[in-house]
PDB file of N, CA and C in Angstrom:
ATOM      1  N   MET A   1     -10.465  29.056   5.924  1.00  0.00           N
ATOM      2  CA  MET A   1     -11.420  28.584   6.900  1.00  0.00           C
ATOM      3  C   MET A   1     -11.418  27.054   6.984  1.00  0.00           C
ATOM      4  N   LEU A   2     -11.360  26.420   5.819  1.00  0.00           N
ATOM      5  CA  LEU A   2     -11.359  24.963   5.789  1.00  0.00           C
ATOM      6  C   LEU A   2     -10.099  24.405   6.444  1.00  0.00           C
ATOM      7  N   THR A   3      -8.964  25.040   6.194  1.00  0.00           N
ATOM      8  CA  THR A   3      -7.708  24.590   6.795  1.00  0.00           C
ATOM      9  C   THR A   3      -7.771  24.703   8.317  1.00  0.00           C
ATOM     10  N   THR A   4      -8.348  25.774   8.816  1.00  0.00           N
ATOM     11  CA  THR A   4      -8.493  25.953  10.258  1.00  0.00           C
ATOM     12  C   THR A   4      -9.360  24.856  10.860  1.00  0.00           C
ATOM     13  N   MET A   5     -10.439  24.518  10.186  1.00  0.00           N
ATOM     14  CA  MET A   5     -11.321  23.466  10.686  1.00  0.00           C
ATOM     15  C   MET A   5     -10.616  22.109  10.693  1.00  0.00           C
ATOM     16  N   ILE A   6      -9.840  21.835   9.663  1.00  0.00           N
ATOM     17  CA  ILE A   6      -9.117  20.562   9.598  1.00  0.00           C
ATOM     18  C   ILE A   6      -8.070  20.479  10.708  1.00  0.00           C
ATOM     19  N   VAL A   7      -7.393  21.580  10.973  1.00  0.00           N
ATOM     20  CA  VAL A   7      -6.408  21.604  12.056  1.00  0.00           C
ATOM     21  C   VAL A   7      -7.102  21.399  13.400  1.00  0.00           C
ATOM     22  N   LEU A   8      -8.260  22.039  13.604  1.00  0.00           N
ATOM     23  CA  LEU A   8      -9.011  21.856  14.843  1.00  0.00           C
ATOM     24  C   LEU A   8      -9.468  20.407  15.017  1.00  0.00           C
ATOM     25  N   ILE A   9      -9.933  19.795  13.933  1.00  0.00           N
ATOM     26  CA  ILE A   9     -10.357  18.398  13.994  1.00  0.00           C
ATOM     27  C   ILE A   9      -9.175  17.502  14.355  1.00  0.00           C
ATOM     28  N   ALA A  10      -8.026  17.744  13.753  1.00  0.00           N
ATOM     29  CA  ALA A  10      -6.843  16.939  14.058  1.00  0.00           C
ATOM     30  C   ALA A  10      -6.424  17.109  15.513  1.00  0.00           C
ATOM     31  N   LEU A  11      -6.481  18.337  16.020  1.00  0.00           N
ATOM     32  CA  LEU A  11      -6.112  18.592  17.415  1.00  0.00           C
ATOM     33  C   LEU A  11      -7.077  17.890  18.373  1.00  0.00           C
ATOM     34  N   VAL A  12      -8.365  17.977  18.085  1.00  0.00           N
ATOM     35  CA  VAL A  12      -9.356  17.313  18.933  1.00  0.00           C
ATOM     36  C   VAL A  12      -9.170  15.795  18.881  1.00  0.00           C
ATOM     37  N   CYS A  13      -8.841  15.264  17.711  1.00  0.00           N
ATOM     38  CA  CYS A  13      -8.605  13.818  17.586  1.00  0.00           C
ATOM     39  C   CYS A  13      -7.430  13.371  18.446  1.00  0.00           C
ATOM     40  N   VAL A  14      -6.350  14.113  18.416  1.00  0.00           N
ATOM     41  CA  VAL A  14      -5.174  13.756  19.217  1.00  0.00           C
ATOM     42  C   VAL A  14      -5.499  13.838  20.709  1.00  0.00           C
ATOM     43  N   LEU A  15      -6.207  14.894  21.116  1.00  0.00           N
ATOM     44  CA  LEU A  15      -6.588  15.025  22.521  1.00  0.00           C
ATOM     45  C   LEU A  15      -7.549  13.919  22.947  1.00  0.00           C
ATOM     46  N   LEU A  16      -8.461  13.550  22.058  1.00  0.00           N
ATOM     47  CA  LEU A  16      -9.405  12.479  22.370  1.00  0.00           C
ATOM     48  C   LEU A  16      -8.685  11.135  22.510  1.00  0.00           C
ATOM     49  N   MET A  17      -7.722  10.874  21.639  1.00  0.00           N
ATOM     50  CA  MET A  17      -6.938   9.647  21.767  1.00  0.00           C
ATOM     51  C   MET A  17      -6.201   9.615  23.097  1.00  0.00           C
ATOM     52  N   GLY A  18      -5.613  10.739  23.486  1.00  0.00           N
ATOM     53  CA  GLY A  18      -4.913  10.808  24.761  1.00  0.00           C
ATOM     54  C   GLY A  18      -5.843  10.584  25.939  1.00  0.00           C
ATOM     55  N   ALA A  19      -7.030  11.188  25.887  1.00  0.00           N
ATOM     56  CA  ALA A  19      -7.988  11.038  26.982  1.00  0.00           C
ATOM     57  C   ALA A  19      -8.462   9.594  27.106  1.00  0.00           C
ATOM     58  N   VAL A  20      -8.643   8.934  25.981  1.00  0.00           N
ATOM     59  CA  VAL A  20      -9.082   7.531  26.022  1.00  0.00           C
ATOM     60  C   VAL A  20      -7.963   6.631  26.533  1.00  0.00           C
ATOM     61  N   LEU A  21      -6.738   6.891  26.113  1.00  0.00           N
ATOM     62  CA  LEU A  21      -5.619   6.049  26.541  1.00  0.00           C
ATOM     63  C   LEU A  21      -5.258   6.241  28.005  1.00  0.00           C
ATOM     64  N   ILE A  22      -5.524   7.409  28.558  1.00  0.00           N
ATOM     65  CA  ILE A  22      -5.206   7.670  29.958  1.00  0.00           C
ATOM     66  C   ILE A  22      -6.149   6.920  30.887  1.00  0.00           C
ATOM     67  N   GLN A  23      -7.372   6.679  30.430  1.00  0.00           N
ATOM     68  CA  GLN A  23      -8.360   6.028  31.291  1.00  0.00           C
ATOM     69  C   GLN A  23      -7.958   4.593  31.591  1.00  0.00           C
ATOM     70  N   ASN A  24      -8.279   4.178  32.794  1.00  0.00           N
ATOM     71  CA  ASN A  24      -8.054   2.798  33.204  1.00  0.00           C
ATOM     72  C   ASN A  24      -9.152   1.938  32.583  1.00  0.00           C
ATOM     73  N   PRO A  25      -8.809   0.816  31.960  1.00  0.00           N
ATOM     74  CA  PRO A  25      -9.829   0.020  31.283  1.00  0.00           C
ATOM     75  C   PRO A  25     -10.906  -0.532  32.218  1.00  0.00           C
ATOM     76  N   LYS A  26     -10.621  -0.652  33.495  1.00  0.00           N
ATOM     77  CA  LYS A  26     -11.619  -1.160  34.434  1.00  0.00           C
ATOM     78  C   LYS A  26     -12.380  -0.038  35.111  1.00  0.00           C
ATOM     79  N   GLY A  27     -12.170   1.206  34.695  1.00  0.00           N
ATOM     80  CA  GLY A  27     -12.896   2.326  35.268  1.00  0.00           C
ATOM     81  C   GLY A  27     -12.400   2.758  36.632  1.00  0.00           C
ATOM     82  N   GLY A  28     -11.152   2.409  36.969  1.00  0.00           N
ATOM     83  CA  GLY A  28     -10.640   2.711  38.288  1.00  0.00           C
ATOM     84  C   GLY A  28      -9.979   4.061  38.416  1.00  0.00           C
ATOM     85  N   GLY A  29      -9.837   4.806  37.372  1.00  0.00           N
ATOM     86  CA  GLY A  29      -9.235   6.129  37.473  1.00  0.00           C
ATOM     87  C   GLY A  29      -8.123   6.299  36.466  1.00  0.00           C
ATOM     88  N   VAL A  30      -7.302   7.288  36.726  1.00  0.00           N
ATOM     89  CA  VAL A  30      -6.224   7.626  35.814  1.00  0.00           C
ATOM     90  C   VAL A  30      -5.141   6.559  35.906  1.00  0.00           C
ATOM     91  N   ASP A  31      -4.624   6.128  34.767  1.00  0.00           N
ATOM     92  CA  ASP A  31      -3.589   5.105  34.722  1.00  0.00           C
ATOM     93  C   ASP A  31      -2.299   5.651  35.319  1.00  0.00           C
ATOM     94  N   SER A  32      -1.629   4.859  36.128  1.00  0.00           N
ATOM     95  CA  SER A  32      -0.418   5.327  36.804  1.00  0.00           C
ATOM     96  C   SER A  32       0.741   5.529  35.843  1.00  0.00           C
ATOM     97  N   THR A  33       0.670   4.961  34.648  1.00  0.00           N
ATOM     98  CA  THR A  33       1.740   5.147  33.677  1.00  0.00           C
ATOM     99  C   THR A  33       1.858   6.607  33.261  1.00  0.00           C
ATOM    100  N   PHE A  34       0.752   7.311  33.216  1.00  0.00           N
ATOM    101  CA  PHE A  34       0.737   8.699  32.758  1.00  0.00           C
ATOM    102  C   PHE A  34       0.653   9.680  33.915  1.00  0.00           C
ATOM    103  N   GLY A  35       1.214   9.328  35.052  1.00  0.00           N
ATOM    104  CA  GLY A  35       1.231  10.245  36.179  1.00  0.00           C
ATOM    105  C   GLY A  35      -0.043  10.202  36.995  1.00  0.00           C
ATOM    106  N   GLY A  36      -0.687   9.067  37.032  1.00  0.00           N
ATOM    107  CA  GLY A  36      -1.943   8.954  37.750  1.00  0.00           C
ATOM    108  C   GLY A  36      -1.815   9.158  39.237  1.00  0.00           C
ATOM    109  N   SER A  37      -0.667   8.783  39.805  1.00  0.00           N
ATOM    110  CA  SER A  37      -0.512   8.938  41.253  1.00  0.00           C
ATOM    111  C   SER A  37      -0.486  10.412  41.638  1.00  0.00           C
ATOM    112  N   GLN A  38       0.135  11.252  40.827  1.00  0.00           N
ATOM    113  CA  GLN A  38       0.147  12.685  41.110  1.00  0.00           C
ATOM    114  C   GLN A  38      -1.248  13.273  40.927  1.00  0.00           C
ATOM    115  N   ALA A  39      -1.965  12.828  39.898  1.00  0.00           N
ATOM    116  CA  ALA A  39      -3.311  13.342  39.673  1.00  0.00           C
ATOM    117  C   ALA A  39      -4.242  12.903  40.790  1.00  0.00           C
ATOM    118  N   ASN A  40      -4.060  11.682  41.279  1.00  0.00           N
ATOM    119  CA  ASN A  40      -4.903  11.201  42.371  1.00  0.00           C
ATOM    120  C   ASN A  40      -4.634  11.983  43.649  1.00  0.00           C
ATOM    121  N   GLN A  41      -3.380  12.372  43.879  1.00  0.00           N
ATOM    122  CA  GLN A  41      -3.069  13.145  45.072  1.00  0.00           C
ATOM    123  C   GLN A  41      -3.618  14.560  44.953  1.00  0.00           C
ATOM    124  N   MET A  42      -3.604  15.113  43.749  1.00  0.00           N
ATOM    125  CA  MET A  42      -4.042  16.492  43.576  1.00  0.00           C
ATOM    126  C   MET A  42      -5.563  16.600  43.603  1.00  0.00           C
ATOM    127  N   PHE A  43      -6.259  15.751  42.849  1.00  0.00           N
ATOM    128  CA  PHE A  43      -7.709  15.840  42.740  1.00  0.00           C
ATOM    129  C   PHE A  43      -8.434  14.848  43.631  1.00  0.00           C
ATOM    130  N   GLY A  44      -7.784  13.791  44.001  1.00  0.00           N
ATOM    131  CA  GLY A  44      -8.451  12.656  44.625  1.00  0.00           C
ATOM    132  C   GLY A  44      -8.818  11.679  43.520  1.00  0.00           C
ATOM    133  N   ALA A  45      -8.912  10.403  43.838  1.00  0.00           N
ATOM    134  CA  ALA A  45      -9.131   9.376  42.808  1.00  0.00           C
ATOM    135  C   ALA A  45     -10.446   9.580  42.077  1.00  0.00           C
ATOM    136  N   LYS A  46     -11.491   9.936  42.781  1.00  0.00           N
ATOM    137  CA  LYS A  46     -12.808  10.089  42.169  1.00  0.00           C
ATOM    138  C   LYS A  46     -12.837  11.289  41.229  1.00  0.00           C
ATOM    139  N   LYS A  47     -12.287  12.409  41.657  1.00  0.00           N
ATOM    140  CA  LYS A  47     -12.360  13.623  40.846  1.00  0.00           C
ATOM    141  C   LYS A  47     -11.514  13.527  39.589  1.00  0.00           C
ATOM    142  N   SER A  48     -10.364  12.846  39.650  1.00  0.00           N
ATOM    143  CA  SER A  48      -9.532  12.721  38.454  1.00  0.00           C
ATOM    144  C   SER A  48     -10.223  11.838  37.419  1.00  0.00           C
ATOM    145  N   ALA A  49     -10.892  10.782  37.870  1.00  0.00           N
ATOM    146  CA  ALA A  49     -11.618   9.916  36.938  1.00  0.00           C
ATOM    147  C   ALA A  49     -12.792  10.663  36.334  1.00  0.00           C
ATOM    148  N   ASP A  50     -13.484  11.463  37.135  1.00  0.00           N
ATOM    149  CA  ASP A  50     -14.602  12.261  36.616  1.00  0.00           C
ATOM    150  C   ASP A  50     -14.125  13.275  35.588  1.00  0.00           C
ATOM    151  N   PHE A  51     -12.983  13.911  35.868  1.00  0.00           N
ATOM    152  CA  PHE A  51     -12.458  14.911  34.945  1.00  0.00           C
ATOM    153  C   PHE A  51     -12.098  14.280  33.601  1.00  0.00           C
ATOM    154  N   ILE A  52     -11.417  13.139  33.622  1.00  0.00           N
ATOM    155  CA  ILE A  52     -11.024  12.478  32.374  1.00  0.00           C
ATOM    156  C   ILE A  52     -12.258  11.998  31.613  1.00  0.00           C
ATOM    157  N   GLU A  53     -13.252  11.495  32.329  1.00  0.00           N
ATOM    158  CA  GLU A  53     -14.465  11.022  31.666  1.00  0.00           C
ATOM    159  C   GLU A  53     -15.234  12.184  31.036  1.00  0.00           C
ATOM    160  N   LYS A  54     -15.343  13.286  31.744  1.00  0.00           N
ATOM    161  CA  LYS A  54     -16.025  14.461  31.189  1.00  0.00           C
ATOM    162  C   LYS A  54     -15.251  15.021  30.007  1.00  0.00           C
ATOM    163  N   ALA A  55     -13.922  15.047  30.112  1.00  0.00           N
ATOM    164  CA  ALA A  55     -13.108  15.538  29.004  1.00  0.00           C
ATOM    165  C   ALA A  55     -13.295  14.663  27.773  1.00  0.00           C
ATOM    166  N   THR A  56     -13.406  13.354  27.958  1.00  0.00           N
ATOM    167  CA  THR A  56     -13.627  12.446  26.840  1.00  0.00           C
ATOM    168  C   THR A  56     -14.951  12.738  26.152  1.00  0.00           C
ATOM    169  N   TRP A  57     -15.999  12.939  26.944  1.00  0.00           N
ATOM    170  CA  TRP A  57     -17.316  13.242  26.357  1.00  0.00           C
ATOM    171  C   TRP A  57     -17.311  14.580  25.632  1.00  0.00           C
ATOM    172  N   TYR A  58     -16.714  15.604  26.248  1.00  0.00           N
ATOM    173  CA  TYR A  58     -16.677  16.921  25.606  1.00  0.00           C
ATOM    174  C   TYR A  58     -15.866  16.893  24.314  1.00  0.00           C
ATOM    175  N   LEU A  59     -14.755  16.175  24.313  1.00  0.00           N
ATOM    176  CA  LEU A  59     -13.950  16.080  23.101  1.00  0.00           C
ATOM    177  C   LEU A  59     -14.686  15.311  22.002  1.00  0.00           C
ATOM    178  N   ALA A  60     -15.417  14.259  22.371  1.00  0.00           N
ATOM    179  CA  ALA A  60     -16.185  13.511  21.373  1.00  0.00           C
ATOM    180  C   ALA A  60     -17.287  14.377  20.775  1.00  0.00           C
ATOM    181  N   ILE A  61     -17.962  15.153  21.614  1.00  0.00           N
ATOM    182  CA  ILE A  61     -19.003  16.061  21.113  1.00  0.00           C
ATOM    183  C   ILE A  61     -18.389  17.132  20.226  1.00  0.00           C
ATOM    184  N   ALA A  62     -17.244  17.672  20.634  1.00  0.00           N
ATOM    185  CA  ALA A  62     -16.567  18.689  19.826  1.00  0.00           C
ATOM    186  C   ALA A  62     -16.165  18.133  18.469  1.00  0.00           C
ATOM    187  N   LEU A  63     -15.671  16.894  18.441  1.00  0.00           N
ATOM    188  CA  LEU A  63     -15.289  16.268  17.178  1.00  0.00           C
ATOM    189  C   LEU A  63     -16.504  16.106  16.268  1.00  0.00           C
ATOM    190  N   PHE A  64     -17.615  15.655  16.830  1.00  0.00           N
ATOM    191  CA  PHE A  64     -18.844  15.486  16.060  1.00  0.00           C
ATOM    192  C   PHE A  64     -19.297  16.813  15.461  1.00  0.00           C
ATOM    193  N   VAL A  65     -19.336  17.858  16.277  1.00  0.00           N
ATOM    194  CA  VAL A  65     -19.796  19.171  15.816  1.00  0.00           C
ATOM    195  C   VAL A  65     -18.844  19.739  14.757  1.00  0.00           C
ATOM    196  N   LEU A  66     -17.545  19.613  14.986  1.00  0.00           N
ATOM    197  CA  LEU A  66     -16.575  20.123  14.004  1.00  0.00           C
ATOM    198  C   LEU A  66     -16.699  19.397  12.669  1.00  0.00           C
ATOM    199  N   CYS A  67     -16.935  18.102  12.707  1.00  0.00           N
ATOM    200  CA  CYS A  67     -17.095  17.353  11.450  1.00  0.00           C
ATOM    201  C   CYS A  67     -18.351  17.773  10.707  1.00  0.00           C
ATOM    202  N   ILE A  68     -19.442  18.008  11.423  1.00  0.00           N
ATOM    203  CA  ILE A  68     -20.679  18.468  10.779  1.00  0.00           C
ATOM    204  C   ILE A  68     -20.479  19.845  10.178  1.00  0.00           C
ATOM    205  N   ILE A  69     -19.873  20.753  10.916  1.00  0.00           N
ATOM    206  CA  ILE A  69     -19.635  22.107  10.403  1.00  0.00           C
ATOM    207  C   ILE A  69     -18.720  22.071   9.192  1.00  0.00           C
ATOM    208  N   THR A  70     -17.676  21.249   9.246  1.00  0.00           N
ATOM    209  CA  THR A  70     -16.754  21.151   8.115  1.00  0.00           C
ATOM    210  C   THR A  70     -17.453  20.608   6.874  1.00  0.00           C
ATOM    211  N   SER A  71     -18.321  19.630   7.061  1.00  0.00           N
ATOM    212  CA  SER A  71     -19.042  19.095   5.902  1.00  0.00           C
ATOM    213  C   SER A  71     -19.981  20.139   5.310  1.00  0.00           C
ATOM    214  N   LEU A  72     -20.552  21.004   6.133  1.00  0.00           N
ATOM    215  CA  LEU A  72     -21.389  22.082   5.615  1.00  0.00           C
ATOM    216  C   LEU A  72     -20.561  23.123   4.878  1.00  0.00           C
ATOM    217  N   ILE A  73     -19.358  23.399   5.374  1.00  0.00           N
ATOM    218  CA  ILE A  73     -18.472  24.367   4.710  1.00  0.00           C
ATOM    219  C   ILE A  73     -18.041  23.840   3.344  1.00  0.00           C
ATOM    220  N   VAL A  74     -17.697  22.569   3.295  1.00  0.00           N
ATOM    221  CA  VAL A  74     -17.233  21.980   2.038  1.00  0.00           C
ATOM    222  C   VAL A  74     -18.362  21.944   1.015  1.00  0.00           C
ATOM    223  N   GLY A  75     -19.578  21.835   1.489  1.00  0.00           N
ATOM    224  CA  GLY A  75     -20.711  21.800   0.569  1.00  0.00           C
ATOM    225  C   GLY A  75     -21.136  20.401   0.276  1.00  0.00           C
ATOM    226  N   GLY A  76     -21.161  19.570   1.279  1.00  0.00           N
ATOM    227  CA  GLY A  76     -21.540  18.180   1.104  1.00  0.00           C
ATOM    228  C   GLY A  76     -23.034  17.988   1.049  1.00  0.00           C
ATOM    229  N   GLY A  77     -23.768  19.033   0.698  1.00  0.00           N
ATOM    230  CA  GLY A  77     -25.219  18.933   0.605  1.00  0.00           C
ATOM    231  C   GLY A  77     -25.661  18.098  -0.571  1.00  0.00           C
ATOM    232  N   ALA A  78     -26.943  17.811  -0.660  1.00  0.00           N
ATOM    233  CA  ALA A  78     -27.475  16.932  -1.696  1.00  0.00           C
ATOM    234  C   ALA A  78     -27.873  17.691  -2.952  1.00  0.00           C
ATOM    235  N   GLU A  79     -27.740  19.012  -2.978  1.00  0.00           N
ATOM    236  CA  GLU A  79     -28.209  19.747  -4.144  1.00  0.00           C
ATOM    237  C   GLU A  79     -27.402  19.472  -5.406  1.00  0.00           C
ATOM    238  N   GLY A  80     -26.140  19.092  -5.264  1.00  0.00           N
ATOM    239  CA  GLY A  80     -25.322  18.807  -6.435  1.00  0.00           C
ATOM    240  C   GLY A  80     -25.081  17.338  -6.663  1.00  0.00           C
ATOM    241  N   ALA A  81     -25.650  16.509  -5.814  1.00  0.00           N
ATOM    242  CA  ALA A  81     -25.402  15.081  -5.894  1.00  0.00           C
ATOM    243  C   ALA A  81     -26.292  14.423  -6.931  1.00  0.00           C
ATOM    244  N   ALA A  82     -25.744  13.424  -7.587  1.00  0.00           N
ATOM    245  CA  ALA A  82     -26.504  12.672  -8.567  1.00  0.00           C
ATOM    246  C   ALA A  82     -27.404  11.670  -7.848  1.00  0.00           C
ATOM    247  N   PRO A  83     -28.572  11.374  -8.378  1.00  0.00           N
ATOM    248  CA  PRO A  83     -29.435  10.391  -7.730  1.00  0.00           C
ATOM    249  C   PRO A  83     -28.811   8.999  -7.775  1.00  0.00           C
ATOM    250  N   LEU A  84     -29.131   8.192  -6.769  1.00  0.00           N
ATOM    251  CA  LEU A  84     -28.549   6.857  -6.685  1.00  0.00           C
ATOM    252  C   LEU A  84     -29.079   5.966  -7.794  1.00  0.00           C
ATOM    253  N   MET A  85     -30.375   6.003  -8.014  1.00  0.00           N
ATOM    254  CA  MET A  85     -30.976   5.177  -9.067  1.00  0.00           C
ATOM    255  C   MET A  85     -31.843   6.078  -9.948  1.00  0.00           C
ATOM    256  N   SER A  86     -31.502   6.161 -11.187  1.00  0.00           N
ATOM    257  CA  SER A  86     -32.280   7.017 -12.090  1.00  0.00           C
ATOM    258  C   SER A  86     -33.001   6.134 -13.095  1.00  0.00           C
ATOM    259  N   GLN A  87     -34.223   5.776 -12.752  1.00  0.00           N
ATOM    260  CA  GLN A  87     -35.020   4.949 -13.656  1.00  0.00           C
ATOM    261  C   GLN A  87     -36.340   5.590 -13.921  1.00  0.00           C
TER     262      GLN A  87
END
């Protein structure tokens, strides 16, 4: 189970990096280096930018949730942790 979660986290990380790199830094839409002209013709400039932006948000949320679930699976709870200051 832990291995599956780690693989999912790695996959989401790679997809998130791709989604961030595809975006135009000025918010103008899909970068033409990665086939932006074809995406603009297929979806229109506005819809392709919306799709990439929504995909970025969904991937970031998925990464957050997967990391929380993985930490719960591993047992990162405080029940076994030593106190920070024992005086």
